[in-house]
Amino acid sequence: MSIFSAFNNSTSNRTGETNPGALSNQDQFFRRTDQTNNSAAREETGELVKNSIGVVDNIIARQGGANSGVGKAIRMASNSAQRIFPDAPPEVKSVPIVLLNDTLTGADTVDWRVSLSVPDIIMQGPILAELSRTKNRMIFPFNPTILLGHTANYSNVHPTHTNYPYHAYENSQVDNITITGEYYNENAEDARYWIACLHYLRAMTKMFSGASSAALGNPPPVARLNGYGKHVLNNIPVVITNFTTDLPADVDYIECEIGGEIDYVPTQSVFTVTVAPNYARRSQSNFSLQDFISGKHTNGPEGFV
């Protein structure tokens, strides 16, 4: 007799008259479960358990005894309980697909993705040419996490014999903006775009020095930050003060070719970019708080926030 025969018999006959004292612990468990579940769920549970135990019985019988092949039997029973049987097809996982082109369909009438513009002065060479696919912009394909902050600075005035200080206004400022976005690379085209983004950020944090032929001595260029519409991030002039990315060890890498050279890019990576709003003095002299409050600033050349 199989070592599970008694268990099979008890589960198959649990609806009949049975001595409660003779029930196994497992059978008592299913008896308690039957009291709380409906009839359909009870029958499905019983059939699933019987099938799983039957698989174990067959494996042990083929191995020549109850003391051989037990580990394999337990693994097969676990697979059967999860509805994984011989020749079962692999689980199909859906992977989000990101479109980096400029074609907008459906209800979208404007491109509201978060982006950093590429100044004309550095838009050259085969590496950055990939950014021309998105109209000379570095696009964050997935909605990134963005940290915004504004500060009004006051100095405290403490006259003698007063309980509370007076706050004397000094100035206001827009704090640094931190953008953290994920990139998923599914093919060589995505990989080339990732390399272009990395090269762009490297270039935007360097000045024109040494043997630079154009704009020698100039600081890093100013970019324009846009995203989510005119009243959120609208054409803000920014300088890139810091960026980080990762090259994970636990993901696959995709091969791509740029300019005859082979590179390898991770299938998943995160870019964190810190930018500082940088308004020219002439632009600030034309700032109007009344226009800003009424929303007229959105139609101006400078993206005040």
Protein backbone atom coordinates (compact mmCIF):
# COMPACT_ATOMS: atom_id res chain seq x y z
CA MET A 1 0.00 0.00 0.00
CA SER A 2 1.22 3.51 -0.81
CA ILE A 3 2.24 5.70 2.12
CA PHE A 4 -0.47 8.14 1.05
CA SER A 5 -3.26 5.61 0.52
CA ALA A 6 -4.86 6.30 3.88
CA PHE A 7 -4.74 10.01 3.22
CA ASN A 8 -6.35 9.55 -0.21
CA ASN A 9 -9.07 7.37 1.23
CA SER A 10 -9.85 9.81 4.00
CA THR A 11 -10.06 12.82 1.67
CA SER A 12 -12.16 10.95 -0.89
CA ASN A 13 -14.60 9.68 1.73
CA ARG A 14 -14.77 12.71 3.97
CA THR A 15 -18.41 13.36 3.04
CA GLY A 16 -19.51 9.97 4.38
CA GLU A 17 -19.91 8.65 7.89
CA THR A 18 -16.46 8.60 9.48
CA ASN A 19 -15.29 8.19 13.04
CA PRO A 20 -14.03 11.69 14.02
CA GLY A 21 -11.45 10.15 16.30
CA ALA A 22 -9.89 8.24 13.38
CA LEU A 23 -9.42 11.26 11.15
CA SER A 24 -5.87 12.36 10.39
CA ASN A 25 -4.73 15.88 11.16
CA GLN A 26 -4.88 16.71 7.47
CA ASP A 27 -8.42 15.43 7.14
CA GLN A 28 -9.51 17.43 10.18
CA PHE A 29 -8.02 20.50 8.51
CA PHE A 30 -10.07 19.96 5.38
CA ARG A 31 -13.14 19.22 7.46
CA ARG A 32 -12.72 22.62 9.16
CA THR A 33 -12.13 24.25 5.78
CA ASP A 34 -15.33 22.70 4.43
CA GLN A 35 -17.32 24.40 7.16
CA THR A 36 -16.19 27.86 6.06
CA ASN A 37 -15.95 27.51 2.27
CA ASN A 38 -18.78 27.05 -0.18
CA SER A 39 -19.43 23.75 -1.95
CA ALA A 40 -17.67 24.67 -5.20
CA ALA A 41 -14.50 25.78 -3.43
CA ARG A 42 -14.57 22.59 -1.27
CA GLU A 43 -14.75 20.30 -4.28
CA GLU A 44 -11.99 22.19 -6.11
CA THR A 45 -9.70 22.00 -3.06
CA GLY A 46 -10.30 18.29 -2.64
CA GLU A 47 -9.61 17.50 -6.28
CA LEU A 48 -6.44 19.59 -6.26
CA VAL A 49 -5.11 17.79 -3.18
CA LYS A 50 -5.98 14.37 -4.59
CA ASN A 51 -4.19 15.15 -7.84
CA SER A 52 -1.11 16.37 -6.00
CA ILE A 53 -0.96 13.30 -3.78
CA GLY A 54 -1.52 11.04 -6.75
CA VAL A 55 1.54 12.48 -8.45
CA VAL A 56 3.61 11.78 -5.33
CA ASP A 57 2.32 8.19 -5.09
CA ASN A 58 3.22 7.46 -8.69
CA ILE A 59 6.74 8.85 -8.35
CA ILE A 60 7.47 6.91 -5.18
CA ALA A 61 6.06 3.69 -6.69
CA ARG A 62 8.28 4.02 -9.77
CA GLN A 63 11.34 4.61 -7.58
CA GLY A 64 10.88 1.25 -5.92
CA GLY A 65 9.68 2.09 -2.43
CA ALA A 66 8.55 4.68 0.04
CA ASN A 67 12.12 5.53 1.03
CA SER A 68 13.37 6.48 -2.44
CA GLY A 69 12.68 9.58 -4.54
CA VAL A 70 10.91 11.38 -1.69
CA GLY A 71 12.53 14.74 -2.41
CA LYS A 72 11.53 14.57 -6.04
CA ALA A 73 8.05 13.51 -5.03
CA ILE A 74 7.66 16.50 -2.74
CA ARG A 75 8.82 18.89 -5.46
CA MET A 76 6.40 17.37 -7.96
CA ALA A 77 3.59 17.62 -5.44
CA SER A 78 4.35 21.29 -4.92
CA ASN A 79 4.34 21.87 -8.68
CA SER A 80 1.04 20.05 -9.03
CA ALA A 81 -0.51 22.14 -6.24
CA GLN A 82 0.45 25.24 -8.24
CA ARG A 83 -1.10 23.73 -11.40
CA ILE A 84 2.33 23.17 -12.97
CA PHE A 85 2.27 19.83 -14.81
CA PRO A 86 4.60 18.14 -17.35
CA ASP A 87 4.89 20.07 -20.64
CA ALA A 88 3.26 23.13 -19.01
CA PRO A 89 3.95 26.29 -21.06
CA PRO A 90 6.19 28.94 -19.44
CA GLU A 91 4.56 31.91 -17.77
CA VAL A 92 4.18 34.82 -20.15
CA LYS A 93 5.31 38.11 -18.61
CA SER A 94 4.25 41.41 -20.10
CA VAL A 95 6.99 44.00 -20.61
CA PRO A 96 6.07 47.69 -20.93
CA ILE A 97 7.05 49.13 -24.29
CA VAL A 98 8.20 52.73 -24.47
CA LEU A 99 7.92 54.78 -27.63
CA LEU A 100 10.62 57.42 -28.04
CA ASN A 101 9.43 58.83 -31.35
CA ASP A 102 7.51 62.06 -31.91
CA THR A 103 4.30 60.50 -33.17
CA LEU A 104 1.40 61.28 -30.84
CA THR A 105 -1.89 59.46 -31.20
CA GLY A 106 -5.20 59.24 -29.41
CA ALA A 107 -6.21 62.06 -27.07
CA ASP A 108 -2.68 63.51 -26.85
CA THR A 109 -2.42 66.82 -28.66
CA VAL A 110 0.87 67.97 -27.16
CA ASP A 111 3.97 66.15 -26.00
CA TRP A 112 3.89 66.53 -22.21
CA ARG A 113 6.76 64.13 -21.44
CA VAL A 114 9.52 65.48 -19.19
CA SER A 115 12.50 66.54 -21.26
CA LEU A 116 15.73 68.54 -21.32
CA SER A 117 16.60 70.38 -24.52
CA VAL A 118 19.89 69.87 -26.35
CA PRO A 119 21.55 73.24 -27.18
CA ASP A 120 22.55 73.64 -30.82
CA ILE A 121 26.17 74.29 -29.85
CA ILE A 122 26.64 70.67 -28.71
CA MET A 123 24.22 68.96 -31.13
CA GLN A 124 26.84 67.30 -33.30
CA GLY A 125 28.44 63.92 -33.88
CA PRO A 126 27.00 60.40 -34.26
CA ILE A 127 26.42 59.82 -30.53
CA LEU A 128 24.10 62.76 -29.84
CA ALA A 129 22.45 62.28 -33.23
CA GLU A 130 20.16 59.74 -31.54
CA LEU A 131 18.51 62.62 -29.63
CA SER A 132 17.27 64.06 -32.92
CA ARG A 133 14.66 61.27 -32.83
CA THR A 134 12.96 63.24 -30.04
CA LYS A 135 13.40 66.72 -31.54
CA ASN A 136 16.79 67.44 -29.95
CA ARG A 137 15.62 66.62 -26.45
CA MET A 138 16.57 64.10 -23.78
CA ILE A 139 13.25 62.44 -23.03
CA PHE A 140 12.42 60.61 -19.81
CA PRO A 141 10.31 57.80 -21.32
CA PHE A 142 8.62 56.89 -18.02
CA ASN A 143 7.14 59.52 -15.73
CA PRO A 144 10.07 60.43 -13.47
CA THR A 145 10.01 61.43 -9.83
CA ILE A 146 10.58 65.20 -9.61
CA LEU A 147 11.34 67.17 -6.46
CA LEU A 148 10.45 70.88 -6.60
CA GLY A 149 11.02 73.55 -3.97
CA HIS A 150 10.72 77.32 -3.54
CA THR A 151 12.25 79.40 -0.77
CA ALA A 152 11.59 82.90 0.56
CA ASN A 153 14.53 84.07 2.69
CA TYR A 154 13.97 86.36 5.70
CA SER A 155 16.40 87.74 8.26
CA ASN A 156 15.30 87.92 11.87
CA VAL A 157 15.36 91.31 13.61
CA HIS A 158 15.39 91.13 17.43
CA PRO A 159 14.79 94.57 19.01
CA THR A 160 15.60 94.88 22.69
CA HIS A 161 12.80 94.01 25.12
CA THR A 162 10.60 92.17 22.59
CA ASN A 163 9.16 88.69 22.76
CA TYR A 164 8.91 88.01 19.06
CA PRO A 165 11.35 88.80 16.24
CA TYR A 166 10.48 90.69 13.09
CA HIS A 167 11.10 89.03 9.74
CA ALA A 168 12.79 91.27 7.21
CA TYR A 169 12.45 89.93 3.67
CA GLU A 170 15.71 89.45 1.79
CA ASN A 171 15.06 87.48 -1.41
CA SER A 172 13.34 84.49 -2.99
CA GLN A 173 14.73 81.57 -4.92
CA VAL A 174 13.72 78.47 -6.80
CA ASP A 175 15.52 75.50 -5.27
CA ASN A 176 17.36 72.88 -7.27
CA ILE A 177 15.11 70.45 -9.14
CA THR A 178 15.90 66.74 -8.88
CA ILE A 179 14.63 64.42 -11.62
CA THR A 180 14.86 60.64 -11.19
CA GLY A 181 13.71 58.51 -14.11
CA GLU A 182 13.99 54.89 -15.21
CA TYR A 183 15.14 53.70 -18.62
CA TYR A 184 14.27 50.25 -19.97
CA ASN A 185 16.23 49.16 -23.03
CA GLU A 186 14.70 46.41 -25.14
CA ASN A 187 16.75 46.55 -28.33
CA ALA A 188 19.81 48.13 -29.94
CA GLU A 189 17.89 51.28 -30.85
CA ASP A 190 16.94 51.88 -27.21
CA ALA A 191 20.54 51.17 -26.20
CA ARG A 192 21.88 53.84 -28.56
CA TYR A 193 19.40 56.33 -27.14
CA TRP A 194 20.55 55.51 -23.58
CA ILE A 195 24.17 56.13 -24.59
CA ALA A 196 23.15 59.43 -26.19
CA CYS A 197 21.50 60.51 -22.92
CA LEU A 198 24.60 59.58 -20.95
CA HIS A 199 26.86 61.44 -23.40
CA TYR A 200 24.56 64.47 -23.34
CA LEU A 201 24.68 64.74 -19.53
CA ARG A 202 28.45 64.36 -19.55
CA ALA A 203 28.79 67.15 -22.11
CA MET A 204 26.34 69.47 -20.31
CA THR A 205 28.44 69.39 -17.14
CA LYS A 206 31.68 70.55 -18.83
CA MET A 207 32.93 73.98 -19.95
CA PHE A 208 34.58 74.94 -23.22
CA SER A 209 38.23 74.86 -22.24
CA GLY A 210 41.62 73.81 -23.54
CA ALA A 211 41.59 73.16 -27.28
CA SER A 212 37.85 73.79 -27.70
CA SER A 213 37.42 75.46 -31.08
CA ALA A 214 34.09 77.17 -30.36
CA ALA A 215 33.02 79.36 -27.43
CA LEU A 216 36.37 78.90 -25.71
CA GLY A 217 36.11 79.83 -22.04
CA ASN A 218 32.31 79.59 -21.89
CA PRO A 219 30.65 77.69 -19.03
CA PRO A 220 28.44 74.64 -19.64
CA PRO A 221 25.41 75.44 -21.82
CA VAL A 222 21.93 76.21 -20.51
CA ALA A 223 19.14 73.73 -21.24
CA ARG A 224 15.36 74.09 -21.16
CA LEU A 225 13.26 71.92 -18.87
CA ASN A 226 9.71 71.05 -19.98
CA GLY A 227 7.03 68.64 -18.88
CA TYR A 228 3.39 68.14 -17.88
CA GLY A 229 2.11 71.35 -19.48
CA LYS A 230 2.70 75.10 -19.37
CA HIS A 231 1.63 75.55 -15.76
CA VAL A 232 3.94 72.85 -14.37
CA LEU A 233 7.33 72.82 -16.12
CA ASN A 234 7.34 75.31 -18.96
CA ASN A 235 10.55 76.14 -20.82
CA ILE A 236 12.57 76.68 -17.62
CA PRO A 237 16.20 77.69 -18.26
CA VAL A 238 18.37 75.35 -16.20
CA VAL A 239 21.98 74.39 -15.73
CA ILE A 240 22.76 70.76 -14.96
CA THR A 241 24.67 70.71 -11.68
CA ASN A 242 24.85 66.97 -11.10
CA PHE A 243 23.78 63.64 -12.55
CA THR A 244 24.16 59.99 -11.62
CA THR A 245 23.27 56.70 -13.26
CA ASP A 246 23.83 53.05 -12.45
CA LEU A 247 25.20 50.02 -14.28
CA PRO A 248 23.53 47.19 -12.33
CA ALA A 249 25.17 43.79 -11.99
CA ASP A 250 21.89 41.83 -11.88
CA VAL A 251 20.42 42.77 -15.27
CA ASP A 252 21.13 41.78 -18.85
CA TYR A 253 23.14 43.99 -21.20
CA ILE A 254 22.25 44.80 -24.81
CA GLU A 255 24.86 45.15 -27.54
CA CYS A 256 24.70 48.15 -29.85
CA GLU A 257 26.96 49.84 -32.39
CA ILE A 258 27.70 53.56 -32.72
CA GLY A 259 30.21 54.86 -35.25
CA GLY A 260 31.60 51.37 -35.82
CA GLU A 261 32.21 50.77 -32.10
CA ILE A 262 30.43 48.14 -30.00
CA ASP A 263 28.92 49.14 -26.65
CA TYR A 264 26.88 47.31 -24.04
CA VAL A 265 23.95 48.91 -22.23
CA PRO A 266 21.93 47.62 -19.23
CA THR A 267 18.33 46.65 -19.90
CA GLN A 268 17.27 48.66 -16.85
CA SER A 269 18.91 51.78 -15.46
CA VAL A 270 18.07 54.93 -13.51
CA PHE A 271 19.16 58.48 -14.28
CA THR A 272 19.08 61.08 -11.50
CA VAL A 273 19.62 64.62 -12.77
CA THR A 274 19.85 67.75 -10.61
CA VAL A 275 19.23 71.07 -12.34
CA ALA A 276 19.25 74.67 -11.09
CA PRO A 277 16.99 77.32 -12.65
CA ASN A 278 19.19 80.02 -14.17
CA TYR A 279 17.41 83.22 -15.23
CA ALA A 280 19.35 85.96 -16.97
CA ARG A 281 19.43 89.43 -15.38
CA ARG A 282 17.62 90.93 -18.37
CA SER A 283 14.84 88.36 -18.00
CA GLN A 284 14.48 89.08 -14.30
CA SER A 285 14.22 92.81 -14.98
CA ASN A 286 11.15 92.07 -17.12
CA PHE A 287 9.47 89.93 -14.46
CA SER A 288 5.98 91.05 -13.41
CA LEU A 289 4.34 89.47 -10.38
CA GLN A 290 0.90 90.57 -11.66
CA ASP A 291 1.49 88.75 -14.97
CA PHE A 292 2.82 85.75 -13.07
CA ILE A 293 -0.27 85.60 -10.83
CA SER A 294 -2.69 85.94 -13.75
CA GLY A 295 -0.88 83.26 -15.77
CA LYS A 296 0.33 85.52 -18.58
CA HIS A 297 3.92 84.38 -18.00
CA THR A 298 3.18 81.08 -19.76
CA ASN A 299 3.07 82.88 -23.12
CA GLY A 300 6.38 84.70 -22.59
CA PRO A 301 9.83 83.65 -23.79
CA GLU A 302 11.07 82.83 -20.27
CA GLY A 303 9.67 80.00 -18.20
CA PHE A 304 9.25 81.59 -14.80
CA VAL A 305 8.23 79.22 -11.98
